[in-house]
Amino acid sequence: MGDQQADPDGDFGKSGHILLVEEGKPMGTARVRRTDDALKCERIAVRASARGAGWGQQLMSICETIAQEHEVDACVLHAQQRVVDFYRQQGYMVVSEPFEEAGIPHVEMRLQLTEDAD
């Protein structure tokens, strides 16, 4: 689909940034950072005119690959309630009650990448 970059300076202790580009035009972006037990995916956005064309799925796949490359067992995100079904289709599960963030209803969602050792 396009060019992709994540954490170009190799300093995973800070946020990494993903930018998907097609023909010089930004199509989607996300920020990732490691928490105690997961990779937190934040600021996920796809250009409105490009929605439904697979960019969101590609962003999430890249986030998951980054987590696996850094031996992180799960990805988490705060999803606006209006897009929960999109993340469910990617395998994420709602793990919180609804809450408000930036004046918008959200829920926390999680994708377990490895099986629990229990």
PDB file of N, CA and C in Angstrom:
ATOM      1  N   MET A   1       0.808  -1.207   0.000  1.00  0.00           N
ATOM      2  CA  MET A   1       0.000   0.000   0.000  1.00  0.00           C
ATOM      3  C   MET A   1       0.843   1.259   0.000  1.00  0.00           C
ATOM      4  N   GLY A   2       1.760   1.422   0.859  1.00  0.00           N
ATOM      5  CA  GLY A   2       2.516   2.652   0.857  1.00  0.00           C
ATOM      6  C   GLY A   2       3.723   2.523   1.745  1.00  0.00           C
ATOM      7  N   ASP A   3       4.440   3.624   1.913  1.00  0.00           N
ATOM      8  CA  ASP A   3       5.605   3.636   2.785  1.00  0.00           C
ATOM      9  C   ASP A   3       5.148   3.571   4.232  1.00  0.00           C
ATOM     10  N   GLN A   4       5.994   3.026   5.096  1.00  0.00           N
ATOM     11  CA  GLN A   4       5.678   2.954   6.513  1.00  0.00           C
ATOM     12  C   GLN A   4       6.947   3.163   7.318  1.00  0.00           C
ATOM     13  N   GLN A   5       6.814   3.823   8.461  1.00  0.00           N
ATOM     14  CA  GLN A   5       7.933   4.036   9.357  1.00  0.00           C
ATOM     15  C   GLN A   5       7.432   3.910  10.775  1.00  0.00           C
ATOM     16  N   ALA A   6       8.227   3.324  11.630  1.00  0.00           N
ATOM     17  CA  ALA A   6       7.905   3.245  13.044  1.00  0.00           C
ATOM     18  C   ALA A   6       9.201   3.297  13.833  1.00  0.00           C
ATOM     19  N   ASP A   7       9.267   4.194  14.805  1.00  0.00           N
ATOM     20  CA  ASP A   7      10.394   4.291  15.706  1.00  0.00           C
ATOM     21  C   ASP A   7      11.728   4.333  14.969  1.00  0.00           C
ATOM     22  N   PRO A   8      11.933   5.306  14.090  1.00  0.00           N
ATOM     23  CA  PRO A   8      13.140   5.327  13.273  1.00  0.00           C
ATOM     24  C   PRO A   8      14.430   5.492  14.064  1.00  0.00           C
ATOM     25  N   ASP A   9      14.367   6.060  15.284  1.00  0.00           N
ATOM     26  CA  ASP A   9      15.601   6.263  16.038  1.00  0.00           C
ATOM     27  C   ASP A   9      15.923   5.089  16.960  1.00  0.00           C
ATOM     28  N   GLY A  10      15.072   4.051  16.977  1.00  0.00           N
ATOM     29  CA  GLY A  10      15.362   2.869  17.771  1.00  0.00           C
ATOM     30  C   GLY A  10      15.164   3.042  19.262  1.00  0.00           C
ATOM     31  N   ASP A  11      14.666   4.159  19.717  1.00  0.00           N
ATOM     32  CA  ASP A  11      14.458   4.414  21.143  1.00  0.00           C
ATOM     33  C   ASP A  11      13.024   4.061  21.502  1.00  0.00           C
ATOM     34  N   PHE A  12      12.783   2.763  21.783  1.00  0.00           N
ATOM     35  CA  PHE A  12      11.422   2.303  22.020  1.00  0.00           C
ATOM     36  C   PHE A  12      10.882   2.777  23.362  1.00  0.00           C
ATOM     37  N   GLY A  13      11.719   3.359  24.228  1.00  0.00           N
ATOM     38  CA  GLY A  13      11.262   3.872  25.513  1.00  0.00           C
ATOM     39  C   GLY A  13      10.374   5.090  25.348  1.00  0.00           C
ATOM     40  N   LYS A  14      10.400   5.699  24.204  1.00  0.00           N
ATOM     41  CA  LYS A  14       9.555   6.854  23.899  1.00  0.00           C
ATOM     42  C   LYS A  14       8.494   6.413  22.913  1.00  0.00           C
ATOM     43  N   SER A  15       7.698   7.348  22.461  1.00  0.00           N
ATOM     44  CA  SER A  15       6.668   7.019  21.472  1.00  0.00           C
ATOM     45  C   SER A  15       7.282   6.757  20.111  1.00  0.00           C
ATOM     46  N   GLY A  16       6.692   5.790  19.412  1.00  0.00           N
ATOM     47  CA  GLY A  16       7.022   5.541  18.017  1.00  0.00           C
ATOM     48  C   GLY A  16       5.867   6.067  17.180  1.00  0.00           C
ATOM     49  N   HIS A  17       6.143   6.445  15.972  1.00  0.00           N
ATOM     50  CA  HIS A  17       5.108   7.016  15.112  1.00  0.00           C
ATOM     51  C   HIS A  17       5.066   6.263  13.788  1.00  0.00           C
ATOM     52  N   ILE A  18       3.857   6.014  13.331  1.00  0.00           N
ATOM     53  CA  ILE A  18       3.634   5.312  12.069  1.00  0.00           C
ATOM     54  C   ILE A  18       2.938   6.281  11.128  1.00  0.00           C
ATOM     55  N   LEU A  19       3.412   6.350   9.914  1.00  0.00           N
ATOM     56  CA  LEU A  19       2.786   7.186   8.898  1.00  0.00           C
ATOM     57  C   LEU A  19       2.684   6.365   7.625  1.00  0.00           C
ATOM     58  N   LEU A  20       1.469   6.159   7.146  1.00  0.00           N
ATOM     59  CA  LEU A  20       1.246   5.464   5.884  1.00  0.00           C
ATOM     60  C   LEU A  20       1.042   6.505   4.801  1.00  0.00           C
ATOM     61  N   VAL A  21       1.794   6.359   3.715  1.00  0.00           N
ATOM     62  CA  VAL A  21       1.795   7.352   2.646  1.00  0.00           C
ATOM     63  C   VAL A  21       1.542   6.649   1.321  1.00  0.00           C
ATOM     64  N   GLU A  22       0.730   7.266   0.490  1.00  0.00           N
ATOM     65  CA  GLU A  22       0.508   6.779  -0.872  1.00  0.00           C
ATOM     66  C   GLU A  22       0.700   7.943  -1.823  1.00  0.00           C
ATOM     67  N   GLU A  23       1.625   7.764  -2.760  1.00  0.00           N
ATOM     68  CA  GLU A  23       1.928   8.799  -3.744  1.00  0.00           C
ATOM     69  C   GLU A  23       2.169  10.158  -3.086  1.00  0.00           C
ATOM     70  N   GLY A  24       2.936  10.160  -2.006  1.00  0.00           N
ATOM     71  CA  GLY A  24       3.298  11.381  -1.306  1.00  0.00           C
ATOM     72  C   GLY A  24       2.216  11.967  -0.422  1.00  0.00           C
ATOM     73  N   LYS A  25       1.081  11.304  -0.323  1.00  0.00           N
ATOM     74  CA  LYS A  25      -0.053  11.826   0.446  1.00  0.00           C
ATOM     75  C   LYS A  25      -0.258  10.977   1.705  1.00  0.00           C
ATOM     76  N   PRO A  26      -0.235  11.601   2.901  1.00  0.00           N
ATOM     77  CA  PRO A  26      -0.484  10.844   4.130  1.00  0.00           C
ATOM     78  C   PRO A  26      -1.888  10.226   4.109  1.00  0.00           C
ATOM     79  N   MET A  27      -1.956   8.926   4.412  1.00  0.00           N
ATOM     80  CA  MET A  27      -3.235   8.222   4.405  1.00  0.00           C
ATOM     81  C   MET A  27      -3.673   7.800   5.800  1.00  0.00           C
ATOM     82  N   GLY A  28      -2.717   7.516   6.674  1.00  0.00           N
ATOM     83  CA  GLY A  28      -3.051   7.084   8.023  1.00  0.00           C
ATOM     84  C   GLY A  28      -1.870   7.258   8.944  1.00  0.00           C
ATOM     85  N   THR A  29      -2.170   7.364  10.243  1.00  0.00           N
ATOM     86  CA  THR A  29      -1.111   7.572  11.219  1.00  0.00           C
ATOM     87  C   THR A  29      -1.506   6.958  12.554  1.00  0.00           C
ATOM     88  N   ALA A  30      -0.517   6.628  13.348  1.00  0.00           N
ATOM     89  CA  ALA A  30      -0.733   6.137  14.705  1.00  0.00           C
ATOM     90  C   ALA A  30       0.533   6.410  15.513  1.00  0.00           C
ATOM     91  N   ARG A  31       0.345   6.437  16.812  1.00  0.00           N
ATOM     92  CA  ARG A  31       1.472   6.568  17.743  1.00  0.00           C
ATOM     93  C   ARG A  31       1.432   5.343  18.638  1.00  0.00           C
ATOM     94  N   VAL A  32       2.580   4.796  18.970  1.00  0.00           N
ATOM     95  CA  VAL A  32       2.646   3.649  19.870  1.00  0.00           C
ATOM     96  C   VAL A  32       3.655   3.931  20.968  1.00  0.00           C
ATOM     97  N   ARG A  33       3.366   3.365  22.141  1.00  0.00           N
ATOM     98  CA  ARG A  33       4.328   3.451  23.245  1.00  0.00           C
ATOM     99  C   ARG A  33       4.123   2.261  24.164  1.00  0.00           C
ATOM    100  N   ARG A  34       5.201   1.847  24.755  1.00  0.00           N
ATOM    101  CA  ARG A  34       5.142   0.697  25.649  1.00  0.00           C
ATOM    102  C   ARG A  34       4.650   1.123  27.019  1.00  0.00           C
ATOM    103  N   THR A  35       3.740   0.332  27.580  1.00  0.00           N
ATOM    104  CA  THR A  35       3.318   0.504  28.965  1.00  0.00           C
ATOM    105  C   THR A  35       3.884  -0.686  29.739  1.00  0.00           C
ATOM    106  N   ASP A  36       3.486  -0.847  30.987  1.00  0.00           N
ATOM    107  CA  ASP A  36       4.021  -1.945  31.794  1.00  0.00           C
ATOM    108  C   ASP A  36       3.776  -3.314  31.169  1.00  0.00           C
ATOM    109  N   ASP A  37       2.592  -3.519  30.579  1.00  0.00           N
ATOM    110  CA  ASP A  37       2.258  -4.862  30.102  1.00  0.00           C
ATOM    111  C   ASP A  37       1.748  -4.921  28.667  1.00  0.00           C
ATOM    112  N   ALA A  38       1.844  -3.817  27.932  1.00  0.00           N
ATOM    113  CA  ALA A  38       1.275  -3.808  26.580  1.00  0.00           C
ATOM    114  C   ALA A  38       1.896  -2.700  25.740  1.00  0.00           C
ATOM    115  N   LEU A  39       1.584  -2.749  24.461  1.00  0.00           N
ATOM    116  CA  LEU A  39       1.890  -1.642  23.555  1.00  0.00           C
ATOM    117  C   LEU A  39       0.611  -0.829  23.451  1.00  0.00           C
ATOM    118  N   LYS A  40       0.659   0.433  23.802  1.00  0.00           N
ATOM    119  CA  LYS A  40      -0.527   1.286  23.713  1.00  0.00           C
ATOM    120  C   LYS A  40      -0.541   1.970  22.355  1.00  0.00           C
ATOM    121  N   CYS A  41      -1.626   1.770  21.634  1.00  0.00           N
ATOM    122  CA  CYS A  41      -1.808   2.362  20.309  1.00  0.00           C
ATOM    123  C   CYS A  41      -2.666   3.606  20.486  1.00  0.00           C
ATOM    124  N   GLU A  42      -2.152   4.736  20.024  1.00  0.00           N
ATOM    125  CA  GLU A  42      -2.827   6.014  20.275  1.00  0.00           C
ATOM    126  C   GLU A  42      -2.907   6.842  19.002  1.00  0.00           C
ATOM    127  N   ARG A  43      -3.786   7.809  19.022  1.00  0.00           N
ATOM    128  CA  ARG A  43      -3.914   8.795  17.936  1.00  0.00           C
ATOM    129  C   ARG A  43      -4.041   8.125  16.573  1.00  0.00           C
ATOM    130  N   ILE A  44      -4.790   7.045  16.523  1.00  0.00           N
ATOM    131  CA  ILE A  44      -4.988   6.301  15.278  1.00  0.00           C
ATOM    132  C   ILE A  44      -5.947   7.093  14.401  1.00  0.00           C
ATOM    133  N   ALA A  45      -5.522   7.357  13.186  1.00  0.00           N
ATOM    134  CA  ALA A  45      -6.372   8.155  12.292  1.00  0.00           C
ATOM    135  C   ALA A  45      -6.112   7.758  10.842  1.00  0.00           C
ATOM    136  N   VAL A  46      -7.196   7.738  10.073  1.00  0.00           N
ATOM    137  CA  VAL A  46      -7.118   7.490   8.638  1.00  0.00           C
ATOM    138  C   VAL A  46      -7.835   8.640   7.946  1.00  0.00           C
ATOM    139  N   ARG A  47      -7.223   9.145   6.883  1.00  0.00           N
ATOM    140  CA  ARG A  47      -7.832  10.221   6.101  1.00  0.00           C
ATOM    141  C   ARG A  47      -9.271   9.832   5.764  1.00  0.00           C
ATOM    142  N   ALA A  48     -10.210  10.740   6.000  1.00  0.00           N
ATOM    143  CA  ALA A  48     -11.632  10.450   5.804  1.00  0.00           C
ATOM    144  C   ALA A  48     -11.919   9.888   4.416  1.00  0.00           C
ATOM    145  N   SER A  49     -11.290  10.457   3.400  1.00  0.00           N
ATOM    146  CA  SER A  49     -11.547  10.013   2.025  1.00  0.00           C
ATOM    147  C   SER A  49     -10.970   8.632   1.735  1.00  0.00           C
ATOM    148  N   ALA A  50     -10.121   8.111   2.634  1.00  0.00           N
ATOM    149  CA  ALA A  50      -9.481   6.822   2.410  1.00  0.00           C
ATOM    150  C   ALA A  50     -10.053   5.713   3.296  1.00  0.00           C
ATOM    151  N   ARG A  51     -11.027   6.035   4.122  1.00  0.00           N
ATOM    152  CA  ARG A  51     -11.596   5.028   5.016  1.00  0.00           C
ATOM    153  C   ARG A  51     -12.300   3.948   4.213  1.00  0.00           C
ATOM    154  N   GLY A  52     -12.185   2.721   4.703  1.00  0.00           N
ATOM    155  CA  GLY A  52     -12.787   1.580   4.027  1.00  0.00           C
ATOM    156  C   GLY A  52     -11.879   0.954   2.982  1.00  0.00           C
ATOM    157  N   ALA A  53     -10.676   1.487   2.829  1.00  0.00           N
ATOM    158  CA  ALA A  53      -9.749   0.983   1.806  1.00  0.00           C
ATOM    159  C   ALA A  53      -8.628   0.133   2.403  1.00  0.00           C
ATOM    160  N   GLY A  54      -8.710  -0.204   3.693  1.00  0.00           N
ATOM    161  CA  GLY A  54      -7.717  -1.080   4.309  1.00  0.00           C
ATOM    162  C   GLY A  54      -6.602  -0.386   5.075  1.00  0.00           C
ATOM    163  N   TRP A  55      -6.576   0.924   5.081  1.00  0.00           N
ATOM    164  CA  TRP A  55      -5.510   1.646   5.780  1.00  0.00           C
ATOM    165  C   TRP A  55      -5.552   1.407   7.284  1.00  0.00           C
ATOM    166  N   GLY A  56      -6.733   1.402   7.860  1.00  0.00           N
ATOM    167  CA  GLY A  56      -6.861   1.165   9.302  1.00  0.00           C
ATOM    168  C   GLY A  56      -6.364  -0.219   9.683  1.00  0.00           C
ATOM    169  N   GLN A  57      -6.730  -1.219   8.889  1.00  0.00           N
ATOM    170  CA  GLN A  57      -6.259  -2.577   9.156  1.00  0.00           C
ATOM    171  C   GLN A  57      -4.741  -2.633   9.051  1.00  0.00           C
ATOM    172  N   GLN A  58      -4.178  -1.935   8.081  1.00  0.00           N
ATOM    173  CA  GLN A  58      -2.726  -1.928   7.929  1.00  0.00           C
ATOM    174  C   GLN A  58      -2.067  -1.250   9.136  1.00  0.00           C
ATOM    175  N   LEU A  59      -2.621  -0.146   9.598  1.00  0.00           N
ATOM    176  CA  LEU A  59      -2.075   0.514  10.794  1.00  0.00           C
ATOM    177  C   LEU A  59      -2.060  -0.434  11.978  1.00  0.00           C
ATOM    178  N   MET A  60      -3.182  -1.131  12.201  1.00  0.00           N
ATOM    179  CA  MET A  60      -3.263  -2.017  13.354  1.00  0.00           C
ATOM    180  C   MET A  60      -2.298  -3.186  13.204  1.00  0.00           C
ATOM    181  N   SER A  61      -2.150  -3.705  12.012  1.00  0.00           N
ATOM    182  CA  SER A  61      -1.206  -4.789  11.767  1.00  0.00           C
ATOM    183  C   SER A  61       0.224  -4.349  12.074  1.00  0.00           C
ATOM    184  N   ILE A  62       0.571  -3.134  11.697  1.00  0.00           N
ATOM    185  CA  ILE A  62       1.911  -2.610  11.984  1.00  0.00           C
ATOM    186  C   ILE A  62       2.097  -2.456  13.487  1.00  0.00           C
ATOM    187  N   CYS A  63       1.095  -1.944  14.185  1.00  0.00           N
ATOM    188  CA  CYS A  63       1.178  -1.825  15.652  1.00  0.00           C
ATOM    189  C   CYS A  63       1.437  -3.190  16.277  1.00  0.00           C
ATOM    190  N   GLU A  64       0.711  -4.193  15.830  1.00  0.00           N
ATOM    191  CA  GLU A  64       0.862  -5.543  16.370  1.00  0.00           C
ATOM    192  C   GLU A  64       2.238  -6.113  16.060  1.00  0.00           C
ATOM    193  N   THR A  65       2.762  -5.844  14.873  1.00  0.00           N
ATOM    194  CA  THR A  65       4.102  -6.300  14.509  1.00  0.00           C
ATOM    195  C   THR A  65       5.145  -5.639  15.400  1.00  0.00           C
ATOM    196  N   ILE A  66       4.988  -4.356  15.655  1.00  0.00           N
ATOM    197  CA  ILE A  66       5.919  -3.645  16.537  1.00  0.00           C
ATOM    198  C   ILE A  66       5.890  -4.279  17.923  1.00  0.00           C
ATOM    199  N   ALA A  67       4.700  -4.564  18.438  1.00  0.00           N
ATOM    200  CA  ALA A  67       4.590  -5.206  19.755  1.00  0.00           C
ATOM    201  C   ALA A  67       5.334  -6.539  19.770  1.00  0.00           C
ATOM    202  N   GLN A  68       5.103  -7.357  18.765  1.00  0.00           N
ATOM    203  CA  GLN A  68       5.751  -8.669  18.705  1.00  0.00           C
ATOM    204  C   GLN A  68       7.261  -8.542  18.581  1.00  0.00           C
ATOM    205  N   GLU A  69       7.721  -7.594  17.783  1.00  0.00           N
ATOM    206  CA  GLU A  69       9.169  -7.392  17.624  1.00  0.00           C
ATOM    207  C   GLU A  69       9.837  -6.993  18.928  1.00  0.00           C
ATOM    208  N   HIS A  70       9.073  -6.348  19.805  1.00  0.00           N
ATOM    209  CA  HIS A  70       9.606  -5.901  21.097  1.00  0.00           C
ATOM    210  C   HIS A  70       9.156  -6.803  22.235  1.00  0.00           C
ATOM    211  N   GLU A  71       8.662  -7.996  21.878  1.00  0.00           N
ATOM    212  CA  GLU A  71       8.261  -9.018  22.842  1.00  0.00           C
ATOM    213  C   GLU A  71       7.229  -8.513  23.843  1.00  0.00           C
ATOM    214  N   VAL A  72       6.264  -7.777  23.331  1.00  0.00           N
ATOM    215  CA  VAL A  72       5.138  -7.299  24.129  1.00  0.00           C
ATOM    216  C   VAL A  72       3.959  -8.220  23.818  1.00  0.00           C
ATOM    217  N   ASP A  73       3.246  -8.649  24.849  1.00  0.00           N
ATOM    218  CA  ASP A  73       2.223  -9.678  24.702  1.00  0.00           C
ATOM    219  C   ASP A  73       0.846  -9.184  24.263  1.00  0.00           C
ATOM    220  N   ALA A  74       0.618  -7.858  24.291  1.00  0.00           N
ATOM    221  CA  ALA A  74      -0.721  -7.356  23.980  1.00  0.00           C
ATOM    222  C   ALA A  74      -0.647  -5.928  23.457  1.00  0.00           C
ATOM    223  N   CYS A  75      -1.702  -5.550  22.726  1.00  0.00           N
ATOM    224  CA  CYS A  75      -1.897  -4.160  22.308  1.00  0.00           C
ATOM    225  C   CYS A  75      -3.164  -3.655  22.998  1.00  0.00           C
ATOM    226  N   VAL A  76      -3.127  -2.414  23.460  1.00  0.00           N
ATOM    227  CA  VAL A  76      -4.298  -1.794  24.056  1.00  0.00           C
ATOM    228  C   VAL A  76      -4.534  -0.447  23.391  1.00  0.00           C
ATOM    229  N   LEU A  77      -5.779   0.005  23.452  1.00  0.00           N
ATOM    230  CA  LEU A  77      -6.114   1.318  22.916  1.00  0.00           C
ATOM    231  C   LEU A  77      -7.388   1.825  23.568  1.00  0.00           C
ATOM    232  N   HIS A  78      -7.590   3.107  23.494  1.00  0.00           N
ATOM    233  CA  HIS A  78      -8.840   3.744  23.913  1.00  0.00           C
ATOM    234  C   HIS A  78      -9.601   4.056  22.637  1.00  0.00           C
ATOM    235  N   ALA A  79     -10.678   3.327  22.407  1.00  0.00           N
ATOM    236  CA  ALA A  79     -11.442   3.468  21.164  1.00  0.00           C
ATOM    237  C   ALA A  79     -12.653   4.357  21.381  1.00  0.00           C
ATOM    238  N   GLN A  80     -12.857   5.275  20.463  1.00  0.00           N
ATOM    239  CA  GLN A  80     -14.114   6.009  20.471  1.00  0.00           C
ATOM    240  C   GLN A  80     -15.224   4.982  20.265  1.00  0.00           C
ATOM    241  N   GLN A  81     -16.308   5.120  21.016  1.00  0.00           N
ATOM    242  CA  GLN A  81     -17.366   4.110  20.946  1.00  0.00           C
ATOM    243  C   GLN A  81     -17.925   3.942  19.538  1.00  0.00           C
ATOM    244  N   ARG A  82     -17.888   4.976  18.731  1.00  0.00           N
ATOM    245  CA  ARG A  82     -18.451   4.877  17.381  1.00  0.00           C
ATOM    246  C   ARG A  82     -17.635   3.970  16.459  1.00  0.00           C
ATOM    247  N   VAL A  83     -16.391   3.620  16.845  1.00  0.00           N
ATOM    248  CA  VAL A  83     -15.564   2.752  16.005  1.00  0.00           C
ATOM    249  C   VAL A  83     -15.188   1.429  16.689  1.00  0.00           C
ATOM    250  N   VAL A  84     -15.883   1.084  17.749  1.00  0.00           N
ATOM    251  CA  VAL A  84     -15.597  -0.163  18.466  1.00  0.00           C
ATOM    252  C   VAL A  84     -15.712  -1.368  17.529  1.00  0.00           C
ATOM    253  N   ASP A  85     -16.705  -1.385  16.662  1.00  0.00           N
ATOM    254  CA  ASP A  85     -16.878  -2.535  15.761  1.00  0.00           C
ATOM    255  C   ASP A  85     -15.677  -2.731  14.847  1.00  0.00           C
ATOM    256  N   PHE A  86     -15.056  -1.644  14.396  1.00  0.00           N
ATOM    257  CA  PHE A  86     -13.843  -1.765  13.575  1.00  0.00           C
ATOM    258  C   PHE A  86     -12.771  -2.530  14.341  1.00  0.00           C
ATOM    259  N   TYR A  87     -12.519  -2.145  15.593  1.00  0.00           N
ATOM    260  CA  TYR A  87     -11.479  -2.801  16.380  1.00  0.00           C
ATOM    261  C   TYR A  87     -11.866  -4.231  16.733  1.00  0.00           C
ATOM    262  N   ARG A  88     -13.143  -4.483  16.969  1.00  0.00           N
ATOM    263  CA  ARG A  88     -13.588  -5.869  17.195  1.00  0.00           C
ATOM    264  C   ARG A  88     -13.259  -6.739  15.985  1.00  0.00           C
ATOM    265  N   GLN A  89     -13.447  -6.204  14.793  1.00  0.00           N
ATOM    266  CA  GLN A  89     -13.126  -6.955  13.575  1.00  0.00           C
ATOM    267  C   GLN A  89     -11.633  -7.260  13.481  1.00  0.00           C
ATOM    268  N   GLN A  90     -10.815  -6.466  14.165  1.00  0.00           N
ATOM    269  CA  GLN A  90      -9.365  -6.688  14.182  1.00  0.00           C
ATOM    270  C   GLN A  90      -8.963  -7.633  15.315  1.00  0.00           C
ATOM    271  N   GLY A  91      -9.939  -8.082  16.120  1.00  0.00           N
ATOM    272  CA  GLY A  91      -9.668  -9.027  17.199  1.00  0.00           C
ATOM    273  C   GLY A  91      -9.603  -8.426  18.585  1.00  0.00           C
ATOM    274  N   TYR A  92      -9.807  -7.122  18.714  1.00  0.00           N
ATOM    275  CA  TYR A  92      -9.747  -6.457  20.010  1.00  0.00           C
ATOM    276  C   TYR A  92     -11.033  -6.714  20.796  1.00  0.00           C
ATOM    277  N   MET A  93     -10.899  -6.770  22.132  1.00  0.00           N
ATOM    278  CA  MET A  93     -12.042  -6.961  23.019  1.00  0.00           C
ATOM    279  C   MET A  93     -12.175  -5.751  23.944  1.00  0.00           C
ATOM    280  N   VAL A  94     -13.399  -5.357  24.227  1.00  0.00           N
ATOM    281  CA  VAL A  94     -13.647  -4.273  25.188  1.00  0.00           C
ATOM    282  C   VAL A  94     -13.295  -4.794  26.577  1.00  0.00           C
ATOM    283  N   VAL A  95     -12.490  -4.018  27.314  1.00  0.00           N
ATOM    284  CA  VAL A  95     -12.058  -4.440  28.652  1.00  0.00           C
ATOM    285  C   VAL A  95     -12.368  -3.398  29.723  1.00  0.00           C
ATOM    286  N   SER A  96     -13.231  -2.431  29.399  1.00  0.00           N
ATOM    287  CA  SER A  96     -13.576  -1.406  30.382  1.00  0.00           C
ATOM    288  C   SER A  96     -15.016  -0.983  30.199  1.00  0.00           C
ATOM    289  N   GLU A  97     -15.505  -0.310  31.191  1.00  0.00           N
ATOM    290  CA  GLU A  97     -16.782   0.383  31.069  1.00  0.00           C
ATOM    291  C   GLU A  97     -16.535   1.641  30.233  1.00  0.00           C
ATOM    292  N   PRO A  98     -17.585   2.202  29.629  1.00  0.00           N
ATOM    293  CA  PRO A  98     -17.401   3.450  28.879  1.00  0.00           C
ATOM    294  C   PRO A  98     -16.873   4.577  29.779  1.00  0.00           C
ATOM    295  N   PHE A  99     -16.054   5.436  29.201  1.00  0.00           N
ATOM    296  CA  PHE A  99     -15.536   6.609  29.892  1.00  0.00           C
ATOM    297  C   PHE A  99     -15.409   7.733  28.876  1.00  0.00           C
ATOM    298  N   GLU A 100     -15.251   8.934  29.377  1.00  0.00           N
ATOM    299  CA  GLU A 100     -15.128  10.094  28.499  1.00  0.00           C
ATOM    300  C   GLU A 100     -13.677  10.522  28.425  1.00  0.00           C
ATOM    301  N   GLU A 101     -13.223  10.765  27.206  1.00  0.00           N
ATOM    302  CA  GLU A 101     -11.874  11.261  26.973  1.00  0.00           C
ATOM    303  C   GLU A 101     -11.980  12.360  25.925  1.00  0.00           C
ATOM    304  N   ALA A 102     -11.484  13.535  26.239  1.00  0.00           N
ATOM    305  CA  ALA A 102     -11.568  14.684  25.330  1.00  0.00           C
ATOM    306  C   ALA A 102     -13.022  14.964  24.930  1.00  0.00           C
ATOM    307  N   GLY A 103     -13.949  14.709  25.850  1.00  0.00           N
ATOM    308  CA  GLY A 103     -15.355  14.989  25.586  1.00  0.00           C
ATOM    309  C   GLY A 103     -16.047  13.978  24.687  1.00  0.00           C
ATOM    310  N   ILE A 104     -15.383  12.845  24.416  1.00  0.00           N
ATOM    311  CA  ILE A 104     -15.914  11.827  23.506  1.00  0.00           C
ATOM    312  C   ILE A 104     -16.007  10.498  24.260  1.00  0.00           C
ATOM    313  N   PRO A 105     -17.123   9.766  24.129  1.00  0.00           N
ATOM    314  CA  PRO A 105     -17.232   8.460  24.790  1.00  0.00           C
ATOM    315  C   PRO A 105     -16.241   7.447  24.206  1.00  0.00           C
ATOM    316  N   HIS A 106     -15.520   6.769  25.094  1.00  0.00           N
ATOM    317  CA  HIS A 106     -14.510   5.777  24.725  1.00  0.00           C
ATOM    318  C   HIS A 106     -14.689   4.508  25.548  1.00  0.00           C
ATOM    319  N   VAL A 107     -14.018   3.447  25.132  1.00  0.00           N
ATOM    320  CA  VAL A 107     -13.805   2.251  25.930  1.00  0.00           C
ATOM    321  C   VAL A 107     -12.370   1.808  25.715  1.00  0.00           C
ATOM    322  N   GLU A 108     -11.820   1.124  26.706  1.00  0.00           N
ATOM    323  CA  GLU A 108     -10.494   0.538  26.517  1.00  0.00           C
ATOM    324  C   GLU A 108     -10.690  -0.817  25.836  1.00  0.00           C
ATOM    325  N   MET A 109      -9.806  -1.109  24.882  1.00  0.00           N
ATOM    326  CA  MET A 109      -9.851  -2.386  24.165  1.00  0.00           C
ATOM    327  C   MET A 109      -8.464  -3.005  24.198  1.00  0.00           C
ATOM    328  N   ARG A 110      -8.437  -4.342  24.110  1.00  0.00           N
ATOM    329  CA  ARG A 110      -7.178  -5.073  24.218  1.00  0.00           C
ATOM    330  C   ARG A 110      -7.163  -6.232  23.228  1.00  0.00           C
ATOM    331  N   LEU A 111      -5.997  -6.444  22.644  1.00  0.00           N
ATOM    332  CA  LEU A 111      -5.748  -7.602  21.792  1.00  0.00           C
ATOM    333  C   LEU A 111      -4.594  -8.366  22.408  1.00  0.00           C
ATOM    334  N   GLN A 112      -4.858  -9.586  22.853  1.00  0.00           N
ATOM    335  CA  GLN A 112      -3.815 -10.440  23.409  1.00  0.00           C
ATOM    336  C   GLN A 112      -3.085 -11.099  22.252  1.00  0.00           C
ATOM    337  N   LEU A 113      -1.772 -10.887  22.160  1.00  0.00           N
ATOM    338  CA  LEU A 113      -0.991 -11.398  21.041  1.00  0.00           C
ATOM    339  C   LEU A 113      -0.414 -12.785  21.318  1.00  0.00           C
ATOM    340  N   THR A 114      -0.229 -13.100  22.586  1.00  0.00           N
ATOM    341  CA  THR A 114       0.285 -14.416  22.979  1.00  0.00           C
ATOM    342  C   THR A 114      -0.660 -15.003  24.004  1.00  0.00           C
ATOM    343  N   GLU A 115      -0.638 -16.303  24.118  1.00  0.00           N
ATOM    344  CA  GLU A 115      -1.470 -16.950  25.116  1.00  0.00           C
ATOM    345  C   GLU A 115      -0.883 -16.726  26.490  1.00  0.00           C
ATOM    346  N   ASP A 116      -1.756 -16.538  27.479  1.00  0.00           N
ATOM    347  CA  ASP A 116      -1.296 -16.392  28.865  1.00  0.00           C
ATOM    348  C   ASP A 116      -0.596 -17.671  29.307  1.00  0.00           C
ATOM    349  N   ALA A 117       0.404 -17.526  30.140  1.00  0.00           N
ATOM    350  CA  ALA A 117       1.167 -18.661  30.617  1.00  0.00           C
ATOM    351  C   ALA A 117       0.412 -19.448  31.678  1.00  0.00           C
ATOM    352  N   ASP A 118      -0.710 -18.960  32.158  1.00  0.00           N
ATOM    353  CA  ASP A 118      -1.467 -19.644  33.227  1.00  0.00           C
ATOM    354  C   ASP A 118      -2.003 -20.972  32.796  1.00  0.00           C
TER     355      ASP A 118
END
